[in-house]
PDB file of N, CA and C in Angstrom:
ATOM      1  N   MET A   1      37.582  66.964 -46.184  1.00  0.00           N
ATOM      2  CA  MET A   1      36.208  67.243 -45.868  1.00  0.00           C
ATOM      3  C   MET A   1      35.697  66.297 -44.776  1.00  0.00           C
ATOM      4  N   ASP A   2      36.126  65.040 -44.821  1.00  0.00           N
ATOM      5  CA  ASP A   2      35.684  64.073 -43.806  1.00  0.00           C
ATOM      6  C   ASP A   2      36.172  64.469 -42.414  1.00  0.00           C
ATOM      7  N   ALA A   3      37.400  64.962 -42.319  1.00  0.00           N
ATOM      8  CA  ALA A   3      37.931  65.403 -41.024  1.00  0.00           C
ATOM      9  C   ALA A   3      37.138  66.592 -40.493  1.00  0.00           C
ATOM     10  N   GLU A   4      36.783  67.514 -41.365  1.00  0.00           N
ATOM     11  CA  GLU A   4      35.986  68.667 -40.935  1.00  0.00           C
ATOM     12  C   GLU A   4      34.592  68.237 -40.494  1.00  0.00           C
ATOM     13  N   LYS A   5      34.011  67.275 -41.178  1.00  0.00           N
ATOM     14  CA  LYS A   5      32.693  66.776 -40.779  1.00  0.00           C
ATOM     15  C   LYS A   5      32.729  66.200 -39.368  1.00  0.00           C
ATOM     16  N   LYS A   6      33.793  65.478 -39.036  1.00  0.00           N
ATOM     17  CA  LYS A   6      33.915  64.897 -37.702  1.00  0.00           C
ATOM     18  C   LYS A   6      33.978  65.991 -36.633  1.00  0.00           C
ATOM     19  N   VAL A   7      34.808  66.975 -36.868  1.00  0.00           N
ATOM     20  CA  VAL A   7      34.977  68.050 -35.890  1.00  0.00           C
ATOM     21  C   VAL A   7      33.704  68.874 -35.768  1.00  0.00           C
ATOM     22  N   ILE A   8      33.147  69.264 -36.881  1.00  0.00           N
ATOM     23  CA  ILE A   8      31.983  70.143 -36.852  1.00  0.00           C
ATOM     24  C   ILE A   8      30.739  69.419 -36.337  1.00  0.00           C
ATOM     25  N   SER A   9      30.680  68.106 -36.510  1.00  0.00           N
ATOM     26  CA  SER A   9      29.512  67.370 -36.027  1.00  0.00           C
ATOM     27  C   SER A   9      29.402  67.447 -34.511  1.00  0.00           C
ATOM     28  N   ARG A  10      30.530  67.475 -33.803  1.00  0.00           N
ATOM     29  CA  ARG A  10      30.504  67.598 -32.342  1.00  0.00           C
ATOM     30  C   ARG A  10      29.957  68.952 -31.904  1.00  0.00           C
ATOM     31  N   VAL A  11      30.246  69.972 -32.677  1.00  0.00           N
ATOM     32  CA  VAL A  11      29.781  71.320 -32.351  1.00  0.00           C
ATOM     33  C   VAL A  11      28.316  71.500 -32.746  1.00  0.00           C
ATOM     34  N   LEU A  12      27.968  71.087 -33.948  1.00  0.00           N
ATOM     35  CA  LEU A  12      26.610  71.297 -34.453  1.00  0.00           C
ATOM     36  C   LEU A  12      25.575  70.439 -33.742  1.00  0.00           C
ATOM     37  N   ASP A  13      25.996  69.337 -33.175  1.00  0.00           N
ATOM     38  CA  ASP A  13      25.086  68.438 -32.484  1.00  0.00           C
ATOM     39  C   ASP A  13      24.423  69.121 -31.279  1.00  0.00           C
ATOM     40  N   LYS A  14      25.003  70.197 -30.784  1.00  0.00           N
ATOM     41  CA  LYS A  14      24.509  70.879 -29.585  1.00  0.00           C
ATOM     42  C   LYS A  14      23.530  72.007 -29.907  1.00  0.00           C
ATOM     43  N   HIS A  15      23.266  72.269 -31.177  1.00  0.00           N
ATOM     44  CA  HIS A  15      22.420  73.396 -31.569  1.00  0.00           C
ATOM     45  C   HIS A  15      21.065  72.920 -32.092  1.00  0.00           C
ATOM     46  N   TYR A  16      20.042  73.674 -31.706  1.00  0.00           N
ATOM     47  CA  TYR A  16      18.684  73.362 -32.108  1.00  0.00           C
ATOM     48  C   TYR A  16      18.043  74.586 -32.747  1.00  0.00           C
ATOM     49  N   GLY A  17      16.960  74.391 -33.425  1.00  0.00           N
ATOM     50  CA  GLY A  17      16.232  75.468 -34.063  1.00  0.00           C
ATOM     51  C   GLY A  17      15.550  74.941 -35.312  1.00  0.00           C
ATOM     52  N   ASN A  18      15.180  75.858 -36.197  1.00  0.00           N
ATOM     53  CA  ASN A  18      14.478  75.466 -37.421  1.00  0.00           C
ATOM     54  C   ASN A  18      15.311  75.610 -38.689  1.00  0.00           C
ATOM     55  N   HIS A  19      16.223  76.594 -38.686  1.00  0.00           N
ATOM     56  CA  HIS A  19      16.940  76.855 -39.935  1.00  0.00           C
ATOM     57  C   HIS A  19      18.431  77.091 -39.693  1.00  0.00           C
ATOM     58  N   ALA A  20      19.258  76.308 -40.393  1.00  0.00           N
ATOM     59  CA  ALA A  20      20.712  76.457 -40.354  1.00  0.00           C
ATOM     60  C   ALA A  20      21.187  76.991 -41.697  1.00  0.00           C
ATOM     61  N   LEU A  21      22.125  77.904 -41.648  1.00  0.00           N
ATOM     62  CA  LEU A  21      22.649  78.539 -42.854  1.00  0.00           C
ATOM     63  C   LEU A  21      24.155  78.354 -42.901  1.00  0.00           C
ATOM     64  N   LEU A  22      24.645  77.840 -44.012  1.00  0.00           N
ATOM     65  CA  LEU A  22      26.082  77.698 -44.217  1.00  0.00           C
ATOM     66  C   LEU A  22      26.499  78.714 -45.275  1.00  0.00           C
ATOM     67  N   VAL A  23      27.589  79.419 -45.020  1.00  0.00           N
ATOM     68  CA  VAL A  23      28.113  80.396 -45.966  1.00  0.00           C
ATOM     69  C   VAL A  23      29.428  79.845 -46.487  1.00  0.00           C
ATOM     70  N   GLY A  24      29.477  79.556 -47.771  1.00  0.00           N
ATOM     71  CA  GLY A  24      30.686  78.970 -48.320  1.00  0.00           C
ATOM     72  C   GLY A  24      30.508  78.565 -49.761  1.00  0.00           C
ATOM     73  N   VAL A  25      31.042  77.413 -50.097  1.00  0.00           N
ATOM     74  CA  VAL A  25      30.969  76.898 -51.461  1.00  0.00           C
ATOM     75  C   VAL A  25      30.048  75.678 -51.475  1.00  0.00           C
ATOM     76  N   PRO A  26      29.449  75.368 -52.622  1.00  0.00           N
ATOM     77  CA  PRO A  26      28.509  74.243 -52.688  1.00  0.00           C
ATOM     78  C   PRO A  26      29.063  72.914 -52.166  1.00  0.00           C
ATOM     79  N   GLN A  27      30.350  72.666 -52.310  1.00  0.00           N
ATOM     80  CA  GLN A  27      30.935  71.410 -51.842  1.00  0.00           C
ATOM     81  C   GLN A  27      30.879  71.276 -50.317  1.00  0.00           C
ATOM     82  N   GLN A  28      30.692  72.375 -49.588  1.00  0.00           N
ATOM     83  CA  GLN A  28      30.651  72.338 -48.124  1.00  0.00           C
ATOM     84  C   GLN A  28      29.251  72.105 -47.575  1.00  0.00           C
ATOM     85  N   TYR A  29      28.254  72.101 -48.419  1.00  0.00           N
ATOM     86  CA  TYR A  29      26.862  71.983 -47.985  1.00  0.00           C
ATOM     87  C   TYR A  29      26.627  70.754 -47.114  1.00  0.00           C
ATOM     88  N   SER A  30      27.326  69.688 -47.382  1.00  0.00           N
ATOM     89  CA  SER A  30      27.138  68.444 -46.619  1.00  0.00           C
ATOM     90  C   SER A  30      27.567  68.579 -45.157  1.00  0.00           C
ATOM     91  N   LEU A  31      28.294  69.635 -44.813  1.00  0.00           N
ATOM     92  CA  LEU A  31      28.683  69.847 -43.411  1.00  0.00           C
ATOM     93  C   LEU A  31      27.457  70.029 -42.510  1.00  0.00           C
ATOM     94  N   LEU A  32      26.353  70.506 -43.066  1.00  0.00           N
ATOM     95  CA  LEU A  32      25.147  70.727 -42.270  1.00  0.00           C
ATOM     96  C   LEU A  32      24.410  69.435 -41.921  1.00  0.00           C
ATOM     97  N   GLU A  33      24.824  68.319 -42.490  1.00  0.00           N
ATOM     98  CA  GLU A  33      24.185  67.044 -42.179  1.00  0.00           C
ATOM     99  C   GLU A  33      24.331  66.678 -40.703  1.00  0.00           C
ATOM    100  N   ALA A  34      25.308  67.239 -40.029  1.00  0.00           N
ATOM    101  CA  ALA A  34      25.573  66.903 -38.640  1.00  0.00           C
ATOM    102  C   ALA A  34      24.627  67.598 -37.658  1.00  0.00           C
ATOM    103  N   THR A  35      23.876  68.563 -38.099  1.00  0.00           N
ATOM    104  CA  THR A  35      23.004  69.298 -37.189  1.00  0.00           C
ATOM    105  C   THR A  35      21.622  68.663 -37.099  1.00  0.00           C
ATOM    106  N   LYS A  36      20.976  68.863 -35.961  1.00  0.00           N
ATOM    107  CA  LYS A  36      19.611  68.376 -35.765  1.00  0.00           C
ATOM    108  C   LYS A  36      18.590  69.364 -36.313  1.00  0.00           C
ATOM    109  N   ILE A  37      19.047  70.504 -36.760  1.00  0.00           N
ATOM    110  CA  ILE A  37      18.166  71.521 -37.326  1.00  0.00           C
ATOM    111  C   ILE A  37      17.652  71.003 -38.670  1.00  0.00           C
ATOM    112  N   PRO A  38      16.330  71.012 -38.883  1.00  0.00           N
ATOM    113  CA  PRO A  38      15.772  70.355 -40.069  1.00  0.00           C
ATOM    114  C   PRO A  38      15.951  71.082 -41.409  1.00  0.00           C
ATOM    115  N   CYS A  39      15.944  72.398 -41.417  1.00  0.00           N
ATOM    116  CA  CYS A  39      16.034  73.144 -42.680  1.00  0.00           C
ATOM    117  C   CYS A  39      17.442  73.683 -42.875  1.00  0.00           C
ATOM    118  N   HIS A  40      18.033  73.395 -44.019  1.00  0.00           N
ATOM    119  CA  HIS A  40      19.400  73.821 -44.328  1.00  0.00           C
ATOM    120  C   HIS A  40      19.420  74.681 -45.577  1.00  0.00           C
ATOM    121  N   SER A  41      20.262  75.719 -45.552  1.00  0.00           N
ATOM    122  CA  SER A  41      20.468  76.558 -46.739  1.00  0.00           C
ATOM    123  C   SER A  41      21.945  76.873 -46.871  1.00  0.00           C
ATOM    124  N   LEU A  42      22.338  77.182 -48.083  1.00  0.00           N
ATOM    125  CA  LEU A  42      23.715  77.569 -48.379  1.00  0.00           C
ATOM    126  C   LEU A  42      23.686  78.899 -49.107  1.00  0.00           C
ATOM    127  N   VAL A  43      24.447  79.867 -48.611  1.00  0.00           N
ATOM    128  CA  VAL A  43      24.648  81.128 -49.323  1.00  0.00           C
ATOM    129  C   VAL A  43      26.055  81.088 -49.886  1.00  0.00           C
ATOM    130  N   SER A  44      26.168  81.304 -51.179  1.00  0.00           N
ATOM    131  CA  SER A  44      27.464  81.237 -51.830  1.00  0.00           C
ATOM    132  C   SER A  44      27.540  82.249 -52.962  1.00  0.00           C
ATOM    133  N   PRO A  45      28.697  82.894 -53.105  1.00  0.00           N
ATOM    134  CA  PRO A  45      28.877  83.777 -54.256  1.00  0.00           C
ATOM    135  C   PRO A  45      29.177  82.983 -55.526  1.00  0.00           C
ATOM    136  N   PHE A  46      29.358  81.681 -55.398  1.00  0.00           N
ATOM    137  CA  PHE A  46      29.678  80.817 -56.534  1.00  0.00           C
ATOM    138  C   PHE A  46      28.440  80.086 -57.018  1.00  0.00           C
ATOM    139  N   LEU A  47      28.358  79.858 -58.286  1.00  0.00           N
ATOM    140  CA  LEU A  47      27.243  79.133 -58.873  1.00  0.00           C
ATOM    141  C   LEU A  47      27.364  77.651 -58.573  1.00  0.00           C
ATOM    142  N   ALA A  48      26.254  77.048 -58.220  1.00  0.00           N
ATOM    143  CA  ALA A  48      26.219  75.599 -58.043  1.00  0.00           C
ATOM    144  C   ALA A  48      25.972  74.977 -59.420  1.00  0.00           C
ATOM    145  N   HIS A  49      26.694  73.911 -59.735  1.00  0.00           N
ATOM    146  CA  HIS A  49      26.521  73.261 -61.037  1.00  0.00           C
ATOM    147  C   HIS A  49      25.142  72.627 -61.147  1.00  0.00           C
ATOM    148  N   GLU A  50      24.634  72.131 -60.039  1.00  0.00           N
ATOM    149  CA  GLU A  50      23.309  71.523 -60.018  1.00  0.00           C
ATOM    150  C   GLU A  50      22.415  72.385 -59.134  1.00  0.00           C
ATOM    151  N   ARG A  51      21.255  72.741 -59.621  1.00  0.00           N
ATOM    152  CA  ARG A  51      20.287  73.502 -58.838  1.00  0.00           C
ATOM    153  C   ARG A  51      19.682  72.591 -57.773  1.00  0.00           C
ATOM    154  N   GLN A  52      19.738  73.027 -56.532  1.00  0.00           N
ATOM    155  CA  GLN A  52      19.159  72.261 -55.433  1.00  0.00           C
ATOM    156  C   GLN A  52      18.409  73.204 -54.516  1.00  0.00           C
ATOM    157  N   PRO A  53      17.346  72.704 -53.885  1.00  0.00           N
ATOM    158  CA  PRO A  53      16.654  73.539 -52.906  1.00  0.00           C
ATOM    159  C   PRO A  53      17.615  73.924 -51.791  1.00  0.00           C
ATOM    160  N   GLY A  54      17.532  75.130 -51.332  1.00  0.00           N
ATOM    161  CA  GLY A  54      18.387  75.580 -50.249  1.00  0.00           C
ATOM    162  C   GLY A  54      19.643  76.297 -50.706  1.00  0.00           C
ATOM    163  N   PHE A  55      19.980  76.245 -51.986  1.00  0.00           N
ATOM    164  CA  PHE A  55      21.150  76.962 -52.486  1.00  0.00           C
ATOM    165  C   PHE A  55      20.733  78.382 -52.831  1.00  0.00           C
ATOM    166  N   ILE A  56      21.429  79.347 -52.272  1.00  0.00           N
ATOM    167  CA  ILE A  56      21.146  80.756 -52.532  1.00  0.00           C
ATOM    168  C   ILE A  56      22.417  81.398 -53.061  1.00  0.00           C
ATOM    169  N   GLU A  57      22.378  81.834 -54.287  1.00  0.00           N
ATOM    170  CA  GLU A  57      23.520  82.536 -54.859  1.00  0.00           C
ATOM    171  C   GLU A  57      23.392  83.997 -54.469  1.00  0.00           C
ATOM    172  N   GLY A  58      24.416  84.517 -53.796  1.00  0.00           N
ATOM    173  CA  GLY A  58      24.312  85.892 -53.343  1.00  0.00           C
ATOM    174  C   GLY A  58      25.650  86.504 -53.010  1.00  0.00           C
ATOM    175  N   ASP A  59      25.642  87.804 -52.970  1.00  0.00           N
ATOM    176  CA  ASP A  59      26.824  88.584 -52.616  1.00  0.00           C
ATOM    177  C   ASP A  59      26.985  88.553 -51.103  1.00  0.00           C
ATOM    178  N   LEU A  60      28.169  88.275 -50.621  1.00  0.00           N
ATOM    179  CA  LEU A  60      28.396  88.191 -49.180  1.00  0.00           C
ATOM    180  C   LEU A  60      28.412  89.558 -48.504  1.00  0.00           C
ATOM    181  N   HIS A  61      28.347  90.622 -49.272  1.00  0.00           N
ATOM    182  CA  HIS A  61      28.319  91.959 -48.689  1.00  0.00           C
ATOM    183  C   HIS A  61      26.897  92.453 -48.457  1.00  0.00           C
ATOM    184  N   GLU A  62      25.941  91.854 -49.123  1.00  0.00           N
ATOM    185  CA  GLU A  62      24.529  92.169 -48.938  1.00  0.00           C
ATOM    186  C   GLU A  62      23.772  90.848 -48.923  1.00  0.00           C
ATOM    187  N   ILE A  63      23.589  90.321 -47.743  1.00  0.00           N
ATOM    188  CA  ILE A  63      23.038  88.981 -47.584  1.00  0.00           C
ATOM    189  C   ILE A  63      21.540  88.975 -47.911  1.00  0.00           C
ATOM    190  N   PRO A  64      21.113  88.094 -48.823  1.00  0.00           N
ATOM    191  CA  PRO A  64      19.704  88.052 -49.217  1.00  0.00           C
ATOM    192  C   PRO A  64      18.845  87.189 -48.284  1.00  0.00           C
ATOM    193  N   ILE A  65      18.991  87.382 -46.977  1.00  0.00           N
ATOM    194  CA  ILE A  65      18.268  86.598 -45.980  1.00  0.00           C
ATOM    195  C   ILE A  65      17.593  87.567 -45.014  1.00  0.00           C
ATOM    196  N   LEU A  66      16.371  87.284 -44.618  1.00  0.00           N
ATOM    197  CA  LEU A  66      15.611  88.126 -43.717  1.00  0.00           C
ATOM    198  C   LEU A  66      16.214  88.117 -42.310  1.00  0.00           C
ATOM    199  N   THR A  67      16.352  89.271 -41.692  1.00  0.00           N
ATOM    200  CA  THR A  67      16.877  89.394 -40.334  1.00  0.00           C
ATOM    201  C   THR A  67      16.040  88.561 -39.368  1.00  0.00           C
ATOM    202  N   GLY A  68      16.711  87.825 -38.497  1.00  0.00           N
ATOM    203  CA  GLY A  68      16.038  87.010 -37.496  1.00  0.00           C
ATOM    204  C   GLY A  68      15.448  85.718 -38.015  1.00  0.00           C
ATOM    205  N   SER A  69      15.827  85.295 -39.204  1.00  0.00           N
ATOM    206  CA  SER A  69      15.183  84.131 -39.821  1.00  0.00           C
ATOM    207  C   SER A  69      15.976  82.828 -39.707  1.00  0.00           C
ATOM    208  N   VAL A  70      17.168  82.851 -39.155  1.00  0.00           N
ATOM    209  CA  VAL A  70      17.953  81.623 -39.011  1.00  0.00           C
ATOM    210  C   VAL A  70      18.371  81.431 -37.559  1.00  0.00           C
ATOM    211  N   ASP A  71      18.640  80.178 -37.209  1.00  0.00           N
ATOM    212  CA  ASP A  71      19.032  79.850 -35.840  1.00  0.00           C
ATOM    213  C   ASP A  71      20.517  79.544 -35.706  1.00  0.00           C
ATOM    214  N   LEU A  72      21.152  79.214 -36.809  1.00  0.00           N
ATOM    215  CA  LEU A  72      22.568  78.850 -36.783  1.00  0.00           C
ATOM    216  C   LEU A  72      23.208  79.279 -38.094  1.00  0.00           C
ATOM    217  N   VAL A  73      24.362  79.928 -37.993  1.00  0.00           N
ATOM    218  CA  VAL A  73      25.135  80.304 -39.178  1.00  0.00           C
ATOM    219  C   VAL A  73      26.510  79.657 -39.053  1.00  0.00           C
ATOM    220  N   VAL A  74      26.924  78.945 -40.094  1.00  0.00           N
ATOM    221  CA  VAL A  74      28.229  78.284 -40.130  1.00  0.00           C
ATOM    222  C   VAL A  74      29.041  78.932 -41.240  1.00  0.00           C
ATOM    223  N   LEU A  75      30.270  79.362 -40.909  1.00  0.00           N
ATOM    224  CA  LEU A  75      31.156  80.035 -41.866  1.00  0.00           C
ATOM    225  C   LEU A  75      32.466  79.250 -42.003  1.00  0.00           C
ATOM    226  N   PRO A  76      32.452  78.077 -42.637  1.00  0.00           N
ATOM    227  CA  PRO A  76      33.685  77.294 -42.745  1.00  0.00           C
ATOM    228  C   PRO A  76      34.657  77.885 -43.773  1.00  0.00           C
ATOM    229  N   HIS A  77      35.778  78.346 -43.317  1.00  0.00           N
ATOM    230  CA  HIS A  77      36.832  78.912 -44.174  1.00  0.00           C
ATOM    231  C   HIS A  77      36.370  80.135 -44.958  1.00  0.00           C
ATOM    232  N   THR A  78      35.309  80.767 -44.528  1.00  0.00           N
ATOM    233  CA  THR A  78      34.761  81.902 -45.270  1.00  0.00           C
ATOM    234  C   THR A  78      35.496  83.191 -44.943  1.00  0.00           C
ATOM    235  N   LEU A  79      35.819  83.410 -43.685  1.00  0.00           N
ATOM    236  CA  LEU A  79      36.442  84.666 -43.270  1.00  0.00           C
ATOM    237  C   LEU A  79      37.823  84.858 -43.880  1.00  0.00           C
ATOM    238  N   GLU A  80      38.468  83.774 -44.238  1.00  0.00           N
ATOM    239  CA  GLU A  80      39.805  83.843 -44.819  1.00  0.00           C
ATOM    240  C   GLU A  80      39.815  84.462 -46.219  1.00  0.00           C
ATOM    241  N   TYR A  81      38.645  84.470 -46.871  1.00  0.00           N
ATOM    242  CA  TYR A  81      38.598  84.884 -48.268  1.00  0.00           C
ATOM    243  C   TYR A  81      37.816  86.165 -48.525  1.00  0.00           C
ATOM    244  N   VAL A  82      37.505  86.898 -47.473  1.00  0.00           N
ATOM    245  CA  VAL A  82      36.797  88.173 -47.652  1.00  0.00           C
ATOM    246  C   VAL A  82      37.703  89.321 -47.206  1.00  0.00           C
ATOM    247  N   ASP A  83      37.485  90.487 -47.792  1.00  0.00           N
ATOM    248  CA  ASP A  83      38.299  91.652 -47.473  1.00  0.00           C
ATOM    249  C   ASP A  83      38.044  92.191 -46.069  1.00  0.00           C
ATOM    250  N   ASN A  84      36.803  92.099 -45.596  1.00  0.00           N
ATOM    251  CA  ASN A  84      36.442  92.661 -44.304  1.00  0.00           C
ATOM    252  C   ASN A  84      35.680  91.616 -43.480  1.00  0.00           C
ATOM    253  N   PRO A  85      36.404  90.726 -42.779  1.00  0.00           N
ATOM    254  CA  PRO A  85      35.745  89.661 -42.020  1.00  0.00           C
ATOM    255  C   PRO A  85      34.819  90.186 -40.921  1.00  0.00           C
ATOM    256  N   ARG A  86      35.169  91.304 -40.306  1.00  0.00           N
ATOM    257  CA  ARG A  86      34.320  91.857 -39.243  1.00  0.00           C
ATOM    258  C   ARG A  86      32.959  92.269 -39.786  1.00  0.00           C
ATOM    259  N   HIS A  87      32.952  92.850 -40.967  1.00  0.00           N
ATOM    260  CA  HIS A  87      31.682  93.239 -41.580  1.00  0.00           C
ATOM    261  C   HIS A  87      30.827  92.001 -41.867  1.00  0.00           C
ATOM    262  N   LEU A  88      31.446  90.943 -42.344  1.00  0.00           N
ATOM    263  CA  LEU A  88      30.721  89.721 -42.650  1.00  0.00           C
ATOM    264  C   LEU A  88      30.127  89.110 -41.381  1.00  0.00           C
ATOM    265  N   ILE A  89      30.897  89.076 -40.309  1.00  0.00           N
ATOM    266  CA  ILE A  89      30.385  88.550 -39.038  1.00  0.00           C
ATOM    267  C   ILE A  89      29.214  89.397 -38.552  1.00  0.00           C
ATOM    268  N   HIS A  90      29.345  90.703 -38.656  1.00  0.00           N
ATOM    269  CA  HIS A  90      28.261  91.596 -38.250  1.00  0.00           C
ATOM    270  C   HIS A  90      27.020  91.359 -39.109  1.00  0.00           C
ATOM    271  N   GLU A  91      27.204  91.210 -40.396  1.00  0.00           N
ATOM    272  CA  GLU A  91      26.095  90.983 -41.323  1.00  0.00           C
ATOM    273  C   GLU A  91      25.329  89.707 -40.958  1.00  0.00           C
ATOM    274  N   PHE A  92      26.040  88.645 -40.636  1.00  0.00           N
ATOM    275  CA  PHE A  92      25.386  87.387 -40.317  1.00  0.00           C
ATOM    276  C   PHE A  92      24.878  87.338 -38.888  1.00  0.00           C
ATOM    277  N   SER A  93      25.495  88.050 -37.976  1.00  0.00           N
ATOM    278  CA  SER A  93      24.991  88.053 -36.602  1.00  0.00           C
ATOM    279  C   SER A  93      23.624  88.714 -36.529  1.00  0.00           C
ATOM    280  N   ASP A  94      23.314  89.600 -37.460  1.00  0.00           N
ATOM    281  CA  ASP A  94      21.998  90.237 -37.498  1.00  0.00           C
ATOM    282  C   ASP A  94      20.902  89.249 -37.912  1.00  0.00           C
ATOM    283  N   LEU A  95      21.268  88.159 -38.545  1.00  0.00           N
ATOM    284  CA  LEU A  95      20.270  87.180 -38.989  1.00  0.00           C
ATOM    285  C   LEU A  95      19.737  86.326 -37.864  1.00  0.00           C
ATOM    286  N   ILE A  96      20.530  86.175 -36.808  1.00  0.00           N
ATOM    287  CA  ILE A  96      20.183  85.289 -35.706  1.00  0.00           C
ATOM    288  C   ILE A  96      19.453  86.106 -34.639  1.00  0.00           C
ATOM    289  N   PRO A  97      18.256  85.645 -34.211  1.00  0.00           N
ATOM    290  CA  PRO A  97      17.486  86.427 -33.243  1.00  0.00           C
ATOM    291  C   PRO A  97      18.215  86.629 -31.912  1.00  0.00           C
ATOM    292  N   ILE A  98      18.881  85.593 -31.392  1.00  0.00           N
ATOM    293  CA  ILE A  98      19.633  85.699 -30.141  1.00  0.00           C
ATOM    294  C   ILE A  98      20.958  84.983 -30.354  1.00  0.00           C
ATOM    295  N   ALA A  99      22.053  85.704 -30.165  1.00  0.00           N
ATOM    296  CA  ALA A  99      23.368  85.080 -30.330  1.00  0.00           C
ATOM    297  C   ALA A  99      23.813  84.517 -28.988  1.00  0.00           C
ATOM    298  N   CYS A 100      24.196  83.246 -28.977  1.00  0.00           N
ATOM    299  CA  CYS A 100      24.647  82.587 -27.754  1.00  0.00           C
ATOM    300  C   CYS A 100      25.985  81.926 -27.984  1.00  0.00           C
ATOM    301  N   GLY A 101      26.853  81.971 -27.001  1.00  0.00           N
ATOM    302  CA  GLY A 101      28.138  81.271 -27.082  1.00  0.00           C
ATOM    303  C   GLY A 101      27.923  79.821 -26.717  1.00  0.00           C
ATOM    304  N   GLY A 102      28.800  78.953 -27.262  1.00  0.00           N
ATOM    305  CA  GLY A 102      28.593  77.526 -26.976  1.00  0.00           C
ATOM    306  C   GLY A 102      29.773  76.877 -26.396  1.00  0.00           C
TER     307      GLY A 102
END
């Protein structure tokens, strides 16, 4: 996890906005600490043992997030574990008002 934090911090440091969303497991939530974006949320199909603000338990096939409401979506190791990665990317790309390459 520490190695991933180092790598992802270089990428996330370049993004700005109000809300960052990580899709994964509760243990990965700390990856968002590297971003300058102030509001962080986690969408996970797994239950978090401890209830924390920003944790959203949800099905990855029907994302419980309003379209256009996030500025950054991070999918660490998420595409490897879904049946249809293209559908998941499409689902999350709809959440971001303007998609930009970095």
